C-alpha atoms as a PDB file:
ATOM      1  CA  UNK A   1     -27.196  -3.918 -11.851  1.00  0.00           C
ATOM      2  CA  UNK A   2     -24.601  -6.071 -13.595  1.00  0.00           C
ATOM      3  CA  UNK A   3     -24.415  -9.516 -12.388  1.00  0.00           C
ATOM      4  CA  UNK A   4     -20.803 -11.066 -13.106  1.00  0.00           C
ATOM      5  CA  UNK A   5     -21.719 -14.797 -11.686  1.00  0.00           C
ATOM      6  CA  UNK A   6     -23.557 -16.212  -9.018  1.00  0.00           C
ATOM      7  CA  UNK A   7     -20.977 -14.658  -6.643  1.00  0.00           C
ATOM      8  CA  UNK A   8     -19.728 -11.369  -7.935  1.00  0.00           C
ATOM      9  CA  UNK A   9     -22.446  -8.443  -8.464  1.00  0.00           C
ATOM     10  CA  UNK A  10     -21.615  -4.827  -8.997  1.00  0.00           C
ATOM     11  CA  UNK A  11     -24.023  -2.402  -8.423  1.00  0.00           C
ATOM     12  CA  UNK A  12     -23.722   1.187  -9.997  1.00  0.00           C
ATOM     13  CA  UNK A  13     -25.901   4.131  -8.459  1.00  0.00           C
ATOM     14  CA  UNK A  14     -28.226   4.377 -11.157  1.00  0.00           C
ATOM     15  CA  UNK A  15     -28.744   8.487 -10.636  1.00  0.00           C
ATOM     16  CA  UNK A  16     -25.209   9.020 -11.342  1.00  0.00           C
ATOM     17  CA  UNK A  17     -24.322   7.894 -14.722  1.00  0.00           C
ATOM     18  CA  UNK A  18     -23.116   9.643 -17.478  1.00  0.00           C
ATOM     19  CA  UNK A  19     -22.676  12.807 -14.830  1.00  0.00           C
ATOM     20  CA  UNK A  20     -19.734  13.872 -12.637  1.00  0.00           C
ATOM     21  CA  UNK A  21     -20.496  13.282  -8.976  1.00  0.00           C
ATOM     22  CA  UNK A  22     -19.584  16.303  -6.504  1.00  0.00           C
ATOM     23  CA  UNK A  23     -18.198  15.474  -3.050  1.00  0.00           C
ATOM     24  CA  UNK A  24     -16.565  12.365  -1.972  1.00  0.00           C
ATOM     25  CA  UNK A  25     -17.105   9.434  -4.458  1.00  0.00           C
ATOM     26  CA  UNK A  26     -17.299   6.219  -2.384  1.00  0.00           C
ATOM     27  CA  UNK A  27     -17.286   2.604  -3.052  1.00  0.00           C
ATOM     28  CA  UNK A  28     -18.664  -0.020  -0.798  1.00  0.00           C
ATOM     29  CA  UNK A  29     -17.199  -3.661  -0.815  1.00  0.00           C
ATOM     30  CA  UNK A  30     -18.747  -6.168   1.497  1.00  0.00           C
ATOM     31  CA  UNK A  31     -19.608  -9.698   0.680  1.00  0.00           C
ATOM     32  CA  UNK A  32     -22.749  -9.737   2.589  1.00  0.00           C
ATOM     33  CA  UNK A  33     -25.868  -8.216   0.777  1.00  0.00           C
ATOM     34  CA  UNK A  34     -27.894  -6.933   3.789  1.00  0.00           C
ATOM     35  CA  UNK A  35     -24.812  -5.384   5.377  1.00  0.00           C
ATOM     36  CA  UNK A  36     -23.855  -3.692   2.197  1.00  0.00           C
ATOM     37  CA  UNK A  37     -26.920  -2.122   1.214  1.00  0.00           C
ATOM     38  CA  UNK A  38     -27.133  -1.006   4.729  1.00  0.00           C
ATOM     39  CA  UNK A  39     -23.853   0.370   5.113  1.00  0.00           C
ATOM     40  CA  UNK A  40     -24.293   2.311   1.423  1.00  0.00           C
ATOM     41  CA  UNK A  41     -27.505   3.818   2.846  1.00  0.00           C
ATOM     42  CA  UNK A  42     -25.935   4.796   5.741  1.00  0.00           C
ATOM     43  CA  UNK A  43     -23.174   6.698   4.068  1.00  0.00           C
ATOM     44  CA  UNK A  44     -25.467   8.489   1.661  1.00  0.00           C
ATOM     45  CA  UNK A  45     -26.464  10.386   4.982  1.00  0.00           C
ATOM     46  CA  UNK A  46     -22.970  11.937   5.846  1.00  0.00           C
ATOM     47  CA  UNK A  47     -22.275  15.521   4.421  1.00  0.00           C
ATOM     48  CA  UNK A  48     -20.251  15.568   1.239  1.00  0.00           C
ATOM     49  CA  UNK A  49     -20.235  11.781   0.848  1.00  0.00           C
ATOM     50  CA  UNK A  50     -21.899  10.130  -2.099  1.00  0.00           C
ATOM     51  CA  UNK A  51     -22.058   6.277  -2.685  1.00  0.00           C
ATOM     52  CA  UNK A  52     -21.089   5.755  -6.645  1.00  0.00           C
ATOM     53  CA  UNK A  53     -21.456   2.043  -6.336  1.00  0.00           C
ATOM     54  CA  UNK A  54     -21.294  -1.200  -4.334  1.00  0.00           C
ATOM     55  CA  UNK A  55     -19.672  -4.893  -4.949  1.00  0.00           C
ATOM     56  CA  UNK A  56     -19.504  -8.103  -3.228  1.00  0.00           C
ATOM     57  CA  UNK A  57     -16.018  -9.371  -3.608  1.00  0.00           C
ATOM     58  CA  UNK A  58     -12.331  -7.953  -3.535  1.00  0.00           C
ATOM     59  CA  UNK A  59     -11.591  -8.652  -6.751  1.00  0.00           C
ATOM     60  CA  UNK A  60     -14.796  -6.731  -8.226  1.00  0.00           C
ATOM     61  CA  UNK A  61     -13.691  -3.969  -6.108  1.00  0.00           C
ATOM     62  CA  UNK A  62     -10.360  -4.076  -7.673  1.00  0.00           C
ATOM     63  CA  UNK A  63     -12.037  -4.266 -11.063  1.00  0.00           C
ATOM     64  CA  UNK A  64     -14.351  -0.710 -10.237  1.00  0.00           C
ATOM     65  CA  UNK A  65     -11.185   1.025  -8.755  1.00  0.00           C
ATOM     66  CA  UNK A  66      -9.082   0.333 -11.902  1.00  0.00           C
ATOM     67  CA  UNK A  67     -11.911   1.608 -14.090  1.00  0.00           C
ATOM     68  CA  UNK A  68     -13.184   4.044 -12.174  1.00  0.00           C
ATOM     69  CA  UNK A  69     -10.956   5.233  -9.527  1.00  0.00           C
ATOM     70  CA  UNK A  70     -13.411   6.430  -6.532  1.00  0.00           C
ATOM     71  CA  UNK A  71     -11.890   8.816  -3.730  1.00  0.00           C
ATOM     72  CA  UNK A  72     -12.300   6.165  -1.164  1.00  0.00           C
ATOM     73  CA  UNK A  73     -13.308   2.477  -1.280  1.00  0.00           C
ATOM     74  CA  UNK A  74     -14.301   1.174   1.965  1.00  0.00           C
ATOM     75  CA  UNK A  75     -14.083  -2.619   2.530  1.00  0.00           C
ATOM     76  CA  UNK A  76     -16.355  -3.913   5.429  1.00  0.00           C
ATOM     77  CA  UNK A  77     -14.758  -7.485   6.394  1.00  0.00           C
ATOM     78  CA  UNK A  78     -14.388  -9.603   9.465  1.00  0.00           C
ATOM     79  CA  UNK A  79     -11.187  -8.389  10.025  1.00  0.00           C
ATOM     80  CA  UNK A  80      -8.974 -11.617   9.823  1.00  0.00           C
ATOM     81  CA  UNK A  81      -8.933 -11.731   5.969  1.00  0.00           C
ATOM     82  CA  UNK A  82      -5.458 -11.011   4.828  1.00  0.00           C
ATOM     83  CA  UNK A  83      -6.706 -11.507   1.286  1.00  0.00           C
ATOM     84  CA  UNK A  84      -8.413  -8.330   1.363  1.00  0.00           C
ATOM     85  CA  UNK A  85      -5.497  -6.434   2.956  1.00  0.00           C
ATOM     86  CA  UNK A  86      -3.771  -7.743   0.096  1.00  0.00           C
ATOM     87  CA  UNK A  87      -6.285  -6.243  -2.667  1.00  0.00           C
ATOM     88  CA  UNK A  88      -6.519  -2.768  -0.507  1.00  0.00           C
ATOM     89  CA  UNK A  89      -2.799  -2.569  -1.146  1.00  0.00           C
ATOM     90  CA  UNK A  90      -2.966  -2.941  -5.013  1.00  0.00           C
ATOM     91  CA  UNK A  91      -5.793  -0.201  -5.005  1.00  0.00           C
ATOM     92  CA  UNK A  92      -3.681   2.204  -2.731  1.00  0.00           C
ATOM     93  CA  UNK A  93      -1.286   2.007  -5.477  1.00  0.00           C
ATOM     94  CA  UNK A  94      -3.656   3.529  -8.127  1.00  0.00           C
ATOM     95  CA  UNK A  95      -3.981   7.274  -8.052  1.00  0.00           C
ATOM     96  CA  UNK A  96      -6.255   8.906  -6.248  1.00  0.00           C
ATOM     97  CA  UNK A  97      -7.825   5.944  -4.483  1.00  0.00           C
ATOM     98  CA  UNK A  98      -7.716   5.820  -0.694  1.00  0.00           C
ATOM     99  CA  UNK A  99      -9.012   2.898   1.250  1.00  0.00           C
ATOM    100  CA  UNK A 100     -10.766   2.522   4.655  1.00  0.00           C
ATOM    101  CA  UNK A 101     -10.942  -0.765   6.017  1.00  0.00           C
ATOM    102  CA  UNK A 102     -14.390  -1.432   8.404  1.00  0.00           C
ATOM    103  CA  UNK A 103     -13.348  -4.393  10.640  1.00  0.00           C
ATOM    104  CA  UNK A 104     -15.835  -6.648  12.639  1.00  0.00           C
ATOM    105  CA  UNK A 105     -13.033  -7.570  14.806  1.00  0.00           C
ATOM    106  CA  UNK A 106      -9.011  -7.916  13.999  1.00  0.00           C
ATOM    107  CA  UNK A 107      -6.094  -9.829  14.391  1.00  0.00           C
ATOM    108  CA  UNK A 108      -2.815  -8.049  15.018  1.00  0.00           C
ATOM    109  CA  UNK A 109      -1.043  -9.494  11.905  1.00  0.00           C
ATOM    110  CA  UNK A 110      -4.101  -8.174   9.684  1.00  0.00           C
ATOM    111  CA  UNK A 111      -3.786  -4.540  11.564  1.00  0.00           C
ATOM    112  CA  UNK A 112       0.168  -4.722  10.769  1.00  0.00           C
ATOM    113  CA  UNK A 113      -0.132  -5.510   7.367  1.00  0.00           C
ATOM    114  CA  UNK A 114      -2.615  -2.667   6.951  1.00  0.00           C
ATOM    115  CA  UNK A 115      -0.691  -0.235   8.872  1.00  0.00           C
ATOM    116  CA  UNK A 116       2.759  -1.099   7.161  1.00  0.00           C
ATOM    117  CA  UNK A 117       0.844  -1.848   3.335  1.00  0.00           C
ATOM    118  CA  UNK A 118       0.219   1.947   3.357  1.00  0.00           C
ATOM    119  CA  UNK A 119      -3.537   1.754   4.450  1.00  0.00           C
ATOM    120  CA  UNK A 120      -5.304   5.126   4.650  1.00  0.00           C
ATOM    121  CA  UNK A 121      -7.660   3.878   7.504  1.00  0.00           C
ATOM    122  CA  UNK A 122      -9.025   1.285  10.027  1.00  0.00           C
ATOM    123  CA  UNK A 123     -11.939   1.581  12.038  1.00  0.00           C
ATOM    124  CA  UNK A 124     -14.185  -1.054  13.956  1.00  0.00           C
ATOM    125  CA  UNK A 125     -17.709  -1.972  12.698  1.00  0.00           C
ATOM    126  CA  UNK A 126     -19.061  -1.084  16.142  1.00  0.00           C
ATOM    127  CA  UNK A 127     -18.106   2.889  15.163  1.00  0.00           C
ATOM    128  CA  UNK A 128     -20.614   5.458  15.576  1.00  0.00           C
ATOM    129  CA  UNK A 129     -22.061   7.088  12.010  1.00  0.00           C
ATOM    130  CA  UNK A 130     -20.093  10.055  13.140  1.00  0.00           C
ATOM    131  CA  UNK A 131     -16.872   8.483  13.437  1.00  0.00           C
ATOM    132  CA  UNK A 132     -17.624   6.738  10.437  1.00  0.00           C
ATOM    133  CA  UNK A 133     -18.426   9.895   8.534  1.00  0.00           C
ATOM    134  CA  UNK A 134     -14.979  11.620   9.871  1.00  0.00           C
ATOM    135  CA  UNK A 135     -12.904   8.804   8.917  1.00  0.00           C
ATOM    136  CA  UNK A 136     -14.239   8.962   5.316  1.00  0.00           C
ATOM    137  CA  UNK A 137     -13.611  13.104   4.971  1.00  0.00           C
ATOM    138  CA  UNK A 138     -10.042  12.460   6.899  1.00  0.00           C
ATOM    139  CA  UNK A 139      -9.173   9.334   4.857  1.00  0.00           C
ATOM    140  CA  UNK A 140     -10.211  11.626   1.543  1.00  0.00           C
ATOM    141  CA  UNK A 141      -7.853  14.260   2.762  1.00  0.00           C
ATOM    142  CA  UNK A 142      -5.140  12.539   2.665  1.00  0.00           C
ATOM    143  CA  UNK A 143      -4.744  11.337   6.484  1.00  0.00           C
ATOM    144  CA  UNK A 144      -4.051   8.379   7.909  1.00  0.00           C
ATOM    145  CA  UNK A 145      -6.476   7.033  10.436  1.00  0.00           C
ATOM    146  CA  UNK A 146      -6.554   4.352  12.768  1.00  0.00           C
ATOM    147  CA  UNK A 147      -8.759   3.210  15.751  1.00  0.00           C
ATOM    148  CA  UNK A 148      -6.691   3.857  19.248  1.00  0.00           C
ATOM    149  CA  UNK A 149      -7.016   0.191  19.783  1.00  0.00           C
ATOM    150  CA  UNK A 150      -6.053  -0.710  16.459  1.00  0.00           C
ATOM    151  CA  UNK A 151      -2.860   1.361  16.602  1.00  0.00           C
ATOM    152  CA  UNK A 152      -2.262  -0.592  19.957  1.00  0.00           C
ATOM    153  CA  UNK A 153      -1.982  -3.607  18.444  1.00  0.00           C
ATOM    154  CA  UNK A 154       0.644  -2.220  15.700  1.00  0.00           C
ATOM    155  CA  UNK A 155       2.725  -0.346  18.432  1.00  0.00           C
ATOM    156  CA  UNK A 156       2.259  -2.512  21.727  1.00  0.00           C
ATOM    157  CA  UNK A 157       4.530  -5.587  20.498  1.00  0.00           C
ATOM    158  CA  UNK A 158       7.795  -3.782  20.017  1.00  0.00           C
ATOM    159  CA  UNK A 159       9.301  -6.560  22.695  1.00  0.00           C
ATOM    160  CA  UNK A 160       8.400  -9.439  20.489  1.00  0.00           C
ATOM    161  CA  UNK A 161      11.235 -11.767  19.427  1.00  0.00           C
ATOM    162  CA  UNK A 162       9.371 -13.366  16.683  1.00  0.00           C
ATOM    163  CA  UNK A 163       8.997 -12.195  13.463  1.00  0.00           C
ATOM    164  CA  UNK A 164       5.909 -11.487  11.376  1.00  0.00           C
ATOM    165  CA  UNK A 165       6.111 -14.429   9.268  1.00  0.00           C
ATOM    166  CA  UNK A 166       6.537 -16.521  12.671  1.00  0.00           C
ATOM    167  CA  UNK A 167       3.406 -14.805  14.105  1.00  0.00           C
ATOM    168  CA  UNK A 168       1.601 -15.604  11.123  1.00  0.00           C
ATOM    169  CA  UNK A 169       2.286 -19.133  11.324  1.00  0.00           C
ATOM    170  CA  UNK A 170       1.419 -19.263  15.198  1.00  0.00           C
ATOM    171  CA  UNK A 171      -1.835 -17.128  14.333  1.00  0.00           C
ATOM    172  CA  UNK A 172      -3.025 -19.487  11.742  1.00  0.00           C
ATOM    173  CA  UNK A 173      -1.927 -22.421  13.962  1.00  0.00           C
ATOM    174  CA  UNK A 174      -4.394 -20.703  16.667  1.00  0.00           C
ATOM    175  CA  UNK A 175      -7.448 -21.117  14.447  1.00  0.00           C
ATOM    176  CA  UNK A 176      -6.994 -24.764  13.788  1.00  0.00           C
ATOM    177  CA  UNK A 177      -5.025 -24.859  10.326  1.00  0.00           C
ATOM    178  CA  UNK A 178      -3.010 -28.015   9.591  1.00  0.00           C
ATOM    179  CA  UNK A 179       0.455 -27.344   8.490  1.00  0.00           C
ATOM    180  CA  UNK A 180      -0.324 -28.226   4.814  1.00  0.00           C
ATOM    181  CA  UNK A 181      -3.458 -25.460   5.283  1.00  0.00           C
ATOM    182  CA  UNK A 182      -0.720 -22.960   6.478  1.00  0.00           C
ATOM    183  CA  UNK A 183       1.639 -23.641   3.989  1.00  0.00           C
ATOM    184  CA  UNK A 184      -0.770 -23.183   1.079  1.00  0.00           C
ATOM    185  CA  UNK A 185      -2.337 -19.988   2.851  1.00  0.00           C
ATOM    186  CA  UNK A 186       1.090 -18.222   3.016  1.00  0.00           C
ATOM    187  CA  UNK A 187       2.596 -19.819  -0.410  1.00  0.00           C
ATOM    188  CA  UNK A 188       5.414 -21.816   1.601  1.00  0.00           C
ATOM    189  CA  UNK A 189       6.541 -25.455   1.789  1.00  0.00           C
ATOM    190  CA  UNK A 190       5.304 -27.723   5.241  1.00  0.00           C
ATOM    191  CA  UNK A 191       8.916 -27.999   5.868  1.00  0.00           C
ATOM    192  CA  UNK A 192       9.357 -24.273   6.107  1.00  0.00           C
ATOM    193  CA  UNK A 193       6.372 -23.863   8.140  1.00  0.00           C
ATOM    194  CA  UNK A 194       7.870 -26.316  10.721  1.00  0.00           C
ATOM    195  CA  UNK A 195      11.160 -24.280  10.709  1.00  0.00           C
ATOM    196  CA  UNK A 196       9.273 -21.208  11.236  1.00  0.00           C
ATOM    197  CA  UNK A 197       7.218 -23.028  14.415  1.00  0.00           C
ATOM    198  CA  UNK A 198      10.639 -24.561  15.481  1.00  0.00           C
ATOM    199  CA  UNK A 199      12.377 -21.151  15.510  1.00  0.00           C
ATOM    200  CA  UNK A 200       9.566 -19.573  17.456  1.00  0.00           C
ATOM    201  CA  UNK A 201       9.849 -22.383  19.809  1.00  0.00           C
ATOM    202  CA  UNK A 202      13.226 -21.827  20.304  1.00  0.00           C
ATOM    203  CA  UNK A 203      13.070 -17.524  20.561  1.00  0.00           C
ATOM    204  CA  UNK A 204      10.258 -18.096  23.187  1.00  0.00           C
ATOM    205  CA  UNK A 205      11.829 -20.825  25.362  1.00  0.00           C
ATOM    206  CA  UNK A 206       9.035 -22.921  24.869  1.00  0.00           C
ATOM    207  CA  UNK A 207       8.831 -26.498  25.477  1.00  0.00           C
ATOM    208  CA  UNK A 208       6.625 -27.157  22.245  1.00  0.00           C
ATOM    209  CA  UNK A 209       4.405 -25.185  19.530  1.00  0.00           C
ATOM    210  CA  UNK A 210       1.495 -25.383  21.758  1.00  0.00           C
ATOM    211  CA  UNK A 211       3.244 -23.744  24.400  1.00  0.00           C
ATOM    212  CA  UNK A 212       4.607 -21.329  21.767  1.00  0.00           C
ATOM    213  CA  UNK A 213       1.352 -20.176  20.696  1.00  0.00           C
ATOM    214  CA  UNK A 214      -0.004 -19.862  24.491  1.00  0.00           C
ATOM    215  CA  UNK A 215       3.145 -17.671  25.230  1.00  0.00           C
ATOM    216  CA  UNK A 216       2.482 -15.747  21.837  1.00  0.00           C
ATOM    217  CA  UNK A 217      -1.515 -15.196  22.856  1.00  0.00           C
ATOM    218  CA  UNK A 218      -0.969 -14.436  26.753  1.00  0.00           C
ATOM    219  CA  UNK A 219       1.464 -11.736  25.846  1.00  0.00           C
ATOM    220  CA  UNK A 220      -1.152 -10.486  23.271  1.00  0.00           C
ATOM    221  CA  UNK A 221       0.958 -11.018  20.041  1.00  0.00           C
ATOM    222  CA  UNK A 222      -1.478 -12.826  18.307  1.00  0.00           C
END
């Protein structure tokens, strides 16, 4: 084990150091130690799957992928963290690396970001072991695999008049974030956030931003 800092840990499979591993080489990324080790142990039971390492952070996953280029990287996360998708998109640009997201839950904007960003697959954490093993193999073979419910989240809002950024602002507003917090997360100004909200209110014919948020939620756009 190589400890990078108190919050950054990379665990390498000792038995695999210095030799080529046959089968599908998988890296597991999960910030929670217990679930990371449990997921790694489960994957080892899958036919043709070899866990070559595990990391506790997104940046660690990017560092490992750049250095070792495993076949498949599994990100286990809460499903609402756009930063995880951003890192996965960067890894997708590396040769031979495929990313599979294992989400506890999901928001529509995150699923859309993963779908349009070229992520190979996204399945829910309550999936059966067989489903997970199947997803790893299919992703490794070059397929894209998204759970049906997640696909509906991407394709089921064709009647939505709002832009991706307007939906993102409303979604963060629904999570209780202030305008300044939303601006910081999206790297835009407070005034731009207000403009997005005003545009959303106008497009939806809402009375105010709270009413616009209600309409978006009831329409299952966020």
